[in-house]
Each structure stands twice: as C-alpha cells, then as structure tokens.
N, C-alpha and C. Protein backbone atom coordinates (compact mmCIF):
# COMPACT_ATOMS: atom_id res chain seq x y z
N MET A 1 -11.19 17.16 -6.04
CA MET A 1 -11.00 15.91 -6.31
C MET A 1 -9.88 15.72 -5.71
N PHE A 2 -9.73 14.38 -5.17
CA PHE A 2 -8.73 13.93 -4.48
C PHE A 2 -7.08 13.58 -5.31
N VAL A 3 -7.48 13.47 -6.48
CA VAL A 3 -5.84 13.41 -7.38
C VAL A 3 -6.10 14.68 -8.19
N ARG A 4 -5.11 15.33 -8.70
CA ARG A 4 -4.90 16.54 -9.55
C ARG A 4 -5.05 16.01 -11.25
N CYS A 5 -4.55 15.07 -11.57
CA CYS A 5 -4.55 14.40 -12.61
C CYS A 5 -5.71 13.61 -12.98
N TRP A 6 -6.64 13.93 -13.84
CA TRP A 6 -7.96 13.35 -14.27
C TRP A 6 -7.92 11.96 -14.83
N PRO A 7 -6.19 11.56 -15.42
CA PRO A 7 -6.62 10.02 -15.87
C PRO A 7 -6.01 9.60 -14.61
N CYS A 8 -5.51 9.84 -13.73
CA CYS A 8 -5.37 9.31 -12.45
C CYS A 8 -6.85 8.90 -11.77
N ALA A 9 -7.60 10.01 -11.82
CA ALA A 9 -8.45 9.74 -10.87
C ALA A 9 -9.75 8.89 -11.51
N VAL A 10 -9.66 8.91 -12.93
CA VAL A 10 -10.34 7.83 -13.76
C VAL A 10 -9.69 6.62 -13.32
N PHE A 11 -8.67 6.24 -13.44
CA PHE A 11 -8.15 5.06 -13.45
C PHE A 11 -8.24 4.63 -11.87
N PHE A 12 -7.93 5.13 -10.57
CA PHE A 12 -7.96 5.22 -9.34
C PHE A 12 -9.66 4.34 -9.21
N ALA A 13 -10.52 5.61 -9.62
CA ALA A 13 -12.13 5.28 -9.40
C ALA A 13 -12.86 3.62 -10.37
N LEU A 14 -12.23 3.74 -11.60
CA LEU A 14 -12.55 2.39 -12.19
C LEU A 14 -12.17 1.20 -11.88
N VAL A 15 -10.67 1.47 -11.75
CA VAL A 15 -9.92 0.21 -12.12
C VAL A 15 -9.52 -0.31 -10.78
N ILE A 16 -8.75 0.57 -10.09
CA ILE A 16 -8.35 0.32 -8.69
C ILE A 16 -9.52 0.48 -7.32
N GLY A 17 -10.42 1.12 -7.60
CA GLY A 17 -11.34 1.53 -6.40
C GLY A 17 -10.82 1.87 -5.37
N VAL A 18 -9.69 2.78 -5.49
CA VAL A 18 -9.25 3.28 -4.30
C VAL A 18 -9.70 4.86 -3.81
N SER A 19 -10.48 4.99 -3.03
CA SER A 19 -10.75 6.14 -2.26
C SER A 19 -10.26 6.37 -1.06
N PRO A 20 -9.47 7.73 -0.45
CA PRO A 20 -9.13 7.91 0.52
C PRO A 20 -10.15 8.03 1.78
N ILE A 21 -9.53 7.41 3.07
CA ILE A 21 -10.56 7.58 4.06
C ILE A 21 -10.81 9.40 4.41
N SER A 22 -11.92 9.43 4.75
CA SER A 22 -12.51 10.44 5.02
C SER A 22 -11.82 11.50 5.74
N GLY A 23 -11.70 12.77 5.17
CA GLY A 23 -10.96 14.14 6.10
C GLY A 23 -9.59 14.12 5.31
N HIS A 24 -9.73 13.58 3.96
CA HIS A 24 -8.48 13.69 3.17
C HIS A 24 -8.21 14.96 2.78
N HIS A 25 -7.04 15.49 2.40
CA HIS A 25 -6.27 17.06 1.87
C HIS A 25 -5.61 16.18 0.72
N ASP A 26 -5.82 17.05 -0.49
CA ASP A 26 -4.74 16.57 -1.35
C ASP A 26 -3.83 17.64 -1.30
N SER A 27 -2.79 17.80 -0.59
CA SER A 27 -1.81 18.61 -0.24
C SER A 27 -0.63 17.80 -0.89
N HIS A 28 -0.62 16.68 -0.59
CA HIS A 28 0.45 15.69 -0.78
C HIS A 28 0.44 14.93 -2.34
N HIS A 29 -0.41 15.49 -3.14
CA HIS A 29 -0.42 15.19 -4.37
C HIS A 29 -0.15 15.59 -5.66
N SER A 30 1.23 15.84 -5.74
CA SER A 30 1.50 16.32 -7.01
C SER A 30 2.42 15.34 -7.80
N HIS A 31 2.17 13.95 -7.71
CA HIS A 31 2.82 13.00 -8.09
C HIS A 31 2.08 12.68 -9.28
N GLY A 32 2.89 11.81 -10.36
CA GLY A 32 2.12 11.35 -11.54
C GLY A 32 1.29 9.97 -10.99
N ALA A 33 1.09 8.89 -12.08
CA ALA A 33 0.03 8.07 -11.74
C ALA A 33 0.88 6.97 -10.97
N CYS A 34 0.18 6.48 -9.94
CA CYS A 34 0.43 5.73 -8.77
C CYS A 34 -0.97 4.46 -8.87
N ASP A 35 -0.40 3.44 -7.99
CA ASP A 35 -1.64 2.46 -8.00
C ASP A 35 -2.64 3.21 -6.53
N ASP A 36 -1.86 3.70 -5.66
CA ASP A 36 -2.55 4.09 -4.44
C ASP A 36 -2.74 5.63 -4.01
N CYS A 37 -3.69 5.93 -3.06
CA CYS A 37 -3.52 7.00 -2.82
C CYS A 37 -4.36 7.10 -1.65
N GLY A 38 -3.89 7.83 -0.59
CA GLY A 38 -4.53 7.89 0.80
C GLY A 38 -4.15 8.76 1.64
N SER A 39 -4.81 9.14 2.91
CA SER A 39 -4.33 9.93 3.99
C SER A 39 -4.26 9.26 5.12
N GLY A 40 -3.62 9.54 6.20
CA GLY A 40 -3.62 8.84 7.50
C GLY A 40 -5.15 8.71 8.01
N ARG A 41 -5.45 7.89 8.92
CA ARG A 41 -6.47 7.18 9.27
C ARG A 41 -7.18 8.69 9.86
N ASN A 42 -6.44 9.74 10.52
CA ASN A 42 -7.30 10.71 11.01
C ASN A 42 -7.68 11.63 10.47
N GLY A 43 -7.51 11.53 9.33
CA GLY A 43 -7.42 12.84 8.28
C GLY A 43 -6.30 13.42 8.04
N SER A 44 -4.79 12.99 8.59
CA SER A 44 -3.85 13.86 8.21
C SER A 44 -2.97 13.60 6.51
N PRO A 45 -2.95 14.40 6.25
CA PRO A 45 -2.61 14.49 4.73
C PRO A 45 -1.51 14.18 4.64
N SER A 46 -0.35 13.93 5.60
CA SER A 46 0.92 13.62 5.66
C SER A 46 1.05 11.95 5.51
N VAL A 47 1.98 11.48 4.62
CA VAL A 47 2.14 10.07 4.94
C VAL A 47 3.44 9.68 5.75
N SER A 48 3.93 10.73 6.11
CA SER A 48 5.26 10.55 6.73
C SER A 48 4.80 10.05 8.24
N ARG A 49 3.37 10.06 8.58
CA ARG A 49 3.16 9.48 10.31
C ARG A 49 2.88 8.13 10.09
N ASP A 50 3.64 7.23 9.30
CA ASP A 50 3.15 5.66 9.14
C ASP A 50 2.60 5.29 10.52
N GLN A 51 1.81 4.04 10.22
CA GLN A 51 1.86 3.38 11.62
C GLN A 51 2.34 2.25 11.17
N ARG A 52 3.13 1.53 12.27
CA ARG A 52 3.67 0.41 12.18
C ARG A 52 3.18 -1.34 12.55
N PHE A 53 3.09 -2.32 11.90
CA PHE A 53 2.62 -3.55 12.74
C PHE A 53 3.43 -4.42 12.38
N GLU A 54 3.58 -5.48 13.22
CA GLU A 54 4.67 -6.72 12.92
C GLU A 54 3.78 -7.83 12.99
N GLY A 55 3.92 -9.03 12.24
CA GLY A 55 3.29 -10.27 12.25
C GLY A 55 3.79 -11.42 10.94
N THR A 56 3.08 -12.12 11.05
CA THR A 56 3.08 -12.96 10.01
C THR A 56 2.20 -13.15 9.06
N ILE A 57 2.55 -13.45 7.62
CA ILE A 57 1.81 -13.35 6.66
C ILE A 57 0.90 -14.78 6.75
N SER A 58 -0.20 -14.26 6.78
CA SER A 58 -1.14 -15.64 6.84
C SER A 58 -1.81 -15.97 5.35
N GLU A 59 -1.63 -15.40 4.14
CA GLU A 59 -2.14 -14.95 2.94
C GLU A 59 -1.53 -14.11 2.08
N VAL A 60 -1.32 -14.29 0.85
CA VAL A 60 -0.55 -13.63 -0.14
C VAL A 60 -2.05 -13.63 -1.28
N LEU A 61 -2.10 -12.15 -1.46
CA LEU A 61 -3.29 -12.28 -2.50
C LEU A 61 -2.63 -11.55 -3.88
N TYR A 62 -2.78 -11.79 -5.21
CA TYR A 62 -2.43 -11.14 -6.18
C TYR A 62 -3.52 -10.43 -6.92
N LEU A 63 -3.65 -9.42 -7.05
CA LEU A 63 -4.57 -8.56 -7.68
C LEU A 63 -4.11 -8.30 -9.34
N PRO A 64 -5.12 -8.32 -9.89
CA PRO A 64 -4.89 -8.09 -11.50
C PRO A 64 -4.27 -6.96 -11.68
N GLY A 65 -2.97 -7.32 -12.69
CA GLY A 65 -2.14 -6.21 -12.93
C GLY A 65 -2.93 -5.90 -14.39
N THR A 66 -1.86 -5.04 -15.08
CA THR A 66 -1.97 -4.58 -16.50
C THR A 66 -1.35 -5.54 -17.48
N SER A 67 -0.47 -6.49 -16.97
CA SER A 67 0.18 -7.47 -17.86
C SER A 67 0.26 -8.82 -16.62
N SER A 68 0.71 -10.19 -17.18
CA SER A 68 1.26 -10.78 -16.43
C SER A 68 2.41 -10.50 -15.90
N GLY A 69 2.64 -10.92 -14.57
CA GLY A 69 4.14 -10.41 -13.78
C GLY A 69 3.59 -9.21 -12.99
N GLU A 70 2.89 -8.37 -13.51
CA GLU A 70 2.43 -7.10 -12.73
C GLU A 70 1.45 -7.22 -11.79
N SER A 71 0.96 -8.27 -11.49
CA SER A 71 -0.02 -8.50 -10.35
C SER A 71 0.33 -7.62 -8.94
N LEU A 72 -0.45 -6.84 -8.46
CA LEU A 72 -0.26 -6.14 -7.39
C LEU A 72 -0.33 -6.70 -6.06
N VAL A 73 0.55 -7.21 -5.49
CA VAL A 73 0.59 -8.00 -3.96
C VAL A 73 -0.14 -7.56 -2.86
N GLU A 74 -1.13 -7.96 -2.07
CA GLU A 74 -1.20 -7.50 -0.84
C GLU A 74 -1.30 -8.89 0.13
N VAL A 75 -0.99 -8.60 1.25
CA VAL A 75 -0.84 -9.77 2.32
C VAL A 75 -2.04 -9.51 3.14
N ARG A 76 -2.40 -10.53 3.69
CA ARG A 76 -3.25 -10.84 5.02
C ARG A 76 -1.80 -11.00 6.57
N LEU A 77 -1.97 -9.97 7.17
CA LEU A 77 -0.92 -10.00 7.98
C LEU A 77 -1.44 -9.91 9.40
N ALA A 78 -1.33 -11.32 10.21
CA ALA A 78 -1.75 -11.93 11.47
C ALA A 78 -0.77 -11.03 12.71
N THR A 79 -1.37 -9.77 13.27
CA THR A 79 -0.55 -9.36 14.12
C THR A 79 -1.01 -9.98 15.27
N GLY A 80 0.02 -9.93 16.55
CA GLY A 80 -0.55 -10.37 17.72
C GLY A 80 -1.38 -9.42 18.53
N THR A 81 -1.32 -7.94 18.21
CA THR A 81 -2.28 -7.23 19.40
C THR A 81 -3.46 -6.70 18.49
N THR A 82 -3.54 -6.57 16.97
CA THR A 82 -4.60 -5.72 16.57
C THR A 82 -4.96 -7.09 15.30
N GLY A 83 -4.98 -8.27 15.58
CA GLY A 83 -5.62 -8.99 14.94
C GLY A 83 -4.96 -9.03 13.45
N GLU A 84 -6.06 -9.12 12.33
CA GLU A 84 -5.34 -9.11 11.07
C GLU A 84 -5.44 -8.27 10.39
N ILE A 85 -4.69 -7.68 9.34
CA ILE A 85 -4.73 -6.34 8.66
C ILE A 85 -4.48 -6.90 7.10
N ILE A 86 -5.02 -6.12 6.43
CA ILE A 86 -4.47 -6.15 4.90
C ILE A 86 -3.60 -5.07 4.73
N ALA A 87 -2.49 -5.30 3.93
CA ALA A 87 -1.35 -4.58 3.65
C ALA A 87 -1.36 -4.69 2.29
N ARG A 88 -1.10 -3.64 1.59
CA ARG A 88 -0.83 -3.44 -0.03
C ARG A 88 0.55 -3.45 -0.07
N LEU A 89 1.23 -3.85 -0.57
CA LEU A 89 2.66 -3.89 -1.12
C LEU A 89 3.00 -3.50 -2.33
N ALA A 90 3.14 -3.68 -3.20
CA ALA A 90 3.80 -3.23 -4.68
C ALA A 90 3.50 -4.31 -5.82
N PRO A 91 3.59 -4.09 -7.20
CA PRO A 91 3.54 -5.02 -8.19
C PRO A 91 4.52 -6.11 -7.70
N ALA A 92 4.25 -7.36 -8.20
CA ALA A 92 4.98 -8.48 -7.91
C ALA A 92 6.22 -8.36 -8.36
N ALA A 93 6.46 -7.77 -9.74
CA ALA A 93 7.76 -8.00 -10.58
C ALA A 93 8.62 -6.65 -9.53
N PHE A 94 8.08 -5.76 -9.05
CA PHE A 94 9.00 -4.95 -8.27
C PHE A 94 9.47 -5.79 -7.07
N LEU A 95 8.81 -6.31 -6.20
CA LEU A 95 9.27 -7.32 -4.99
C LEU A 95 10.26 -8.03 -5.63
N ARG A 96 10.13 -8.89 -6.67
CA ARG A 96 10.81 -9.80 -7.30
C ARG A 96 12.35 -8.93 -7.60
N ASN A 97 12.36 -7.87 -8.12
CA ASN A 97 13.58 -7.42 -8.28
C ASN A 97 14.32 -6.53 -7.19
N LEU A 98 13.45 -6.68 -5.84
CA LEU A 98 14.11 -6.31 -4.53
C LEU A 98 14.72 -7.40 -4.24
N ASP A 99 14.37 -8.96 -4.67
CA ASP A 99 14.50 -10.01 -3.87
C ASP A 99 14.06 -10.05 -2.80
N LEU A 100 12.60 -9.56 -2.44
CA LEU A 100 11.84 -9.83 -1.51
C LEU A 100 10.95 -10.72 -1.59
N ASP A 101 11.04 -11.89 -1.16
CA ASP A 101 10.16 -13.14 -1.17
C ASP A 101 8.92 -13.12 -0.09
N ILE A 102 8.05 -12.63 -0.63
CA ILE A 102 6.61 -12.71 0.04
C ILE A 102 5.88 -13.99 0.02
N ARG A 103 5.95 -14.43 1.37
CA ARG A 103 5.12 -15.97 1.01
C ARG A 103 4.59 -16.15 2.60
N GLU A 104 3.69 -17.00 2.66
CA GLU A 104 2.80 -17.27 3.72
C GLU A 104 3.80 -17.85 4.89
N GLY A 105 3.57 -17.27 5.86
CA GLY A 105 4.31 -17.86 7.14
C GLY A 105 5.56 -16.95 7.40
N LEU A 106 5.98 -16.18 6.49
CA LEU A 106 6.70 -14.98 6.59
C LEU A 106 6.58 -13.76 7.69
N LYS A 107 7.52 -13.96 8.51
CA LYS A 107 7.17 -12.56 9.77
C LYS A 107 7.87 -11.31 9.23
N ILE A 108 7.16 -10.26 9.01
CA ILE A 108 7.61 -9.09 8.47
C ILE A 108 7.26 -8.21 9.38
N GLY A 109 7.77 -6.85 9.15
CA GLY A 109 7.45 -5.53 9.78
C GLY A 109 6.75 -4.68 8.46
N VAL A 110 5.88 -4.25 8.84
CA VAL A 110 5.34 -2.93 7.75
C VAL A 110 4.95 -1.71 8.28
N ALA A 111 5.32 -0.24 7.72
CA ALA A 111 4.96 0.65 8.24
C ALA A 111 4.18 1.44 6.83
N GLY A 112 3.00 2.25 7.20
CA GLY A 112 2.28 2.48 5.75
C GLY A 112 1.23 3.65 6.17
N TYR A 113 0.30 3.92 5.45
CA TYR A 113 -1.08 4.79 5.96
C TYR A 113 -2.05 3.84 5.43
N TRP A 114 -3.32 4.23 5.86
CA TRP A 114 -4.46 3.62 5.67
C TRP A 114 -5.26 4.39 4.28
N ALA A 115 -5.73 3.59 3.64
CA ALA A 115 -6.79 4.09 2.72
C ALA A 115 -7.82 3.04 2.48
N SER A 116 -9.01 3.33 2.08
CA SER A 116 -10.25 2.92 1.77
C SER A 116 -10.03 2.41 0.32
N VAL A 117 -10.03 1.07 0.23
CA VAL A 117 -10.23 0.23 -1.17
C VAL A 117 -11.32 -0.51 -1.50
N ARG A 118 -12.53 -0.13 -2.41
CA ARG A 118 -13.79 -0.64 -2.36
C ARG A 118 -14.32 -0.99 -0.94
N GLY A 119 -14.13 0.03 -0.27
CA GLY A 119 -14.79 0.10 1.03
C GLY A 119 -14.26 -0.62 2.18
N GLU A 120 -12.98 -1.14 1.75
CA GLU A 120 -12.48 -1.83 3.01
C GLU A 120 -11.17 -1.28 3.23
N ASP A 121 -10.80 -0.99 4.32
CA ASP A 121 -9.45 -0.61 4.81
C ASP A 121 -8.14 -1.49 4.56
N ARG A 122 -6.92 -0.82 4.00
CA ARG A 122 -5.87 -1.38 3.92
C ARG A 122 -4.76 -0.58 4.02
N LEU A 123 -3.78 -1.39 4.48
CA LEU A 123 -2.41 -0.19 4.95
C LEU A 123 -1.74 -0.10 3.97
N ILE A 124 -1.48 1.09 3.29
CA ILE A 124 -0.87 1.19 2.18
C ILE A 124 0.94 1.26 2.55
N VAL A 125 1.41 0.21 2.20
CA VAL A 125 2.76 0.08 2.95
C VAL A 125 4.10 0.91 2.10
N THR A 126 4.56 1.80 2.97
CA THR A 126 5.78 2.38 2.59
C THR A 126 7.07 1.82 2.79
N ARG A 127 7.05 1.12 3.98
CA ARG A 127 8.43 0.16 4.15
C ARG A 127 7.95 -1.09 4.67
N VAL A 128 8.88 -2.05 4.38
CA VAL A 128 8.69 -3.44 4.74
C VAL A 128 10.21 -4.07 5.41
N THR A 129 10.18 -4.67 6.11
CA THR A 129 11.51 -4.94 7.16
C THR A 129 10.95 -6.61 6.93
N ALA A 130 11.86 -7.41 6.33
CA ALA A 130 11.81 -8.81 6.33
C ALA A 130 13.40 -9.67 6.58
N ASN A 131 13.33 -10.67 7.31
CA ASN A 131 14.83 -11.51 6.98
C ASN A 131 15.91 -10.20 7.31
N GLY A 132 15.71 -9.46 8.43
CA GLY A 132 16.82 -8.64 8.65
C GLY A 132 17.19 -7.46 7.54
N LYS A 133 16.13 -7.24 6.69
CA LYS A 133 16.42 -6.37 5.50
C LYS A 133 15.35 -5.32 5.70
N ASN A 134 15.71 -3.92 5.10
CA ASN A 134 14.69 -3.02 5.08
C ASN A 134 14.48 -2.65 3.65
N PHE A 135 13.23 -2.60 3.23
CA PHE A 135 12.95 -2.18 1.81
C PHE A 135 11.73 -1.06 1.83
N THR A 136 12.21 0.06 0.88
CA THR A 136 11.07 1.06 0.77
C THR A 136 10.39 0.72 -0.70
N LEU A 137 8.98 0.94 -0.36
CA LEU A 137 8.05 0.84 -1.40
C LEU A 137 7.70 2.04 -2.02
N ARG A 138 7.58 3.08 -1.09
CA ARG A 138 6.99 4.15 -1.30
C ARG A 138 7.66 5.31 -0.55
N ASP A 139 7.68 6.72 -1.16
CA ASP A 139 8.58 7.59 -0.48
C ASP A 139 7.89 8.26 0.65
N THR A 140 8.36 9.45 1.42
CA THR A 140 7.28 9.83 2.42
C THR A 140 6.18 10.70 2.09
N THR A 141 5.86 10.83 0.74
CA THR A 141 4.98 11.59 0.34
C THR A 141 3.99 10.58 -0.31
N GLY A 142 4.44 9.26 -0.60
CA GLY A 142 3.38 8.34 -1.10
C GLY A 142 3.64 7.88 -2.60
N HIS A 143 4.55 8.69 -3.11
CA HIS A 143 5.03 7.84 -4.45
C HIS A 143 5.35 6.56 -4.50
N CYS A 144 5.33 6.30 -5.35
CA CYS A 144 5.60 4.81 -5.59
C CYS A 144 7.17 4.61 -6.23
N ARG A 145 7.77 3.68 -5.64
CA ARG A 145 9.20 3.72 -6.06
C ARG A 145 9.29 2.52 -7.50
N TRP A 146 8.31 2.07 -7.96
CA TRP A 146 8.23 1.44 -9.09
C TRP A 146 8.04 1.90 -10.41
C-alpha cells in the first residue's frame, strides 16, 4: 500500500483519485491525512528534489472540497519551455490566509513533485513564488501546511 493509514488510502482512492506515479516507494509516508501523495517522476521516494517551473496562470480550477471555501485550487500554468502544466496548490482558504491571490494572468514560480491524479500527471506544489514573495505549501516530506 502506498499510504500506511488505511483511511487515507480509501480517501485518496475514492475521493481524490490520487495514485503515485510508477516506481513509488512509501518510505516518506509517515504523515496523517493530506490531499496528495506522490513521488518524483523517476521513482524517487524523496520530494526534496523538487522540479521548478515559471510561467503565467492561464486558468484557475477549483476542485470540490469538504465544505464551501475549502475547494482545492489547481492552476494551468503556461511555461515558455514545457508548454502547459497542471499544478495542484492548496485549499482556497489556506491560500487566502497566506494572502496569496491566485488569478489568471499572474506570473508565478512553482516547485513540487509529480503525481498521477485520475490518470493525469500533476505537479503537487510544495513552494510558490508570486509578487516577489515565497510561500511554502508543503514541507520537504510532502506534509501539507494546512
């Protein structure tokens, strides 16, 4: 099992639909419930080897949450070199508490690790840079900050 906590595994499989990309090891999973789980693209169990991208947000997506205001925010990020990627950020309320105004047209930098969500690769963002400020969304082991 990719997640040691069976309620987390059920939650990931049924609600979120997150499955780590192949080659995954569970050595970094000692955390409790979080919305995402994954490993680096090449099977690395460590999320400390973040991949970095810079670009402009072309679309903001709000995924259903457990309550209003808790929608999970993803963005389509148009990068100059890799085209467009989907980046999963954090719940909308958490981003508001950080005073991080995510909107179309905003230029941001993101760092994170790759995971497959319902068969589609997403960058699970650990850090965001926007308007000259740095924001940490997840720690180096993938723990969510919210």
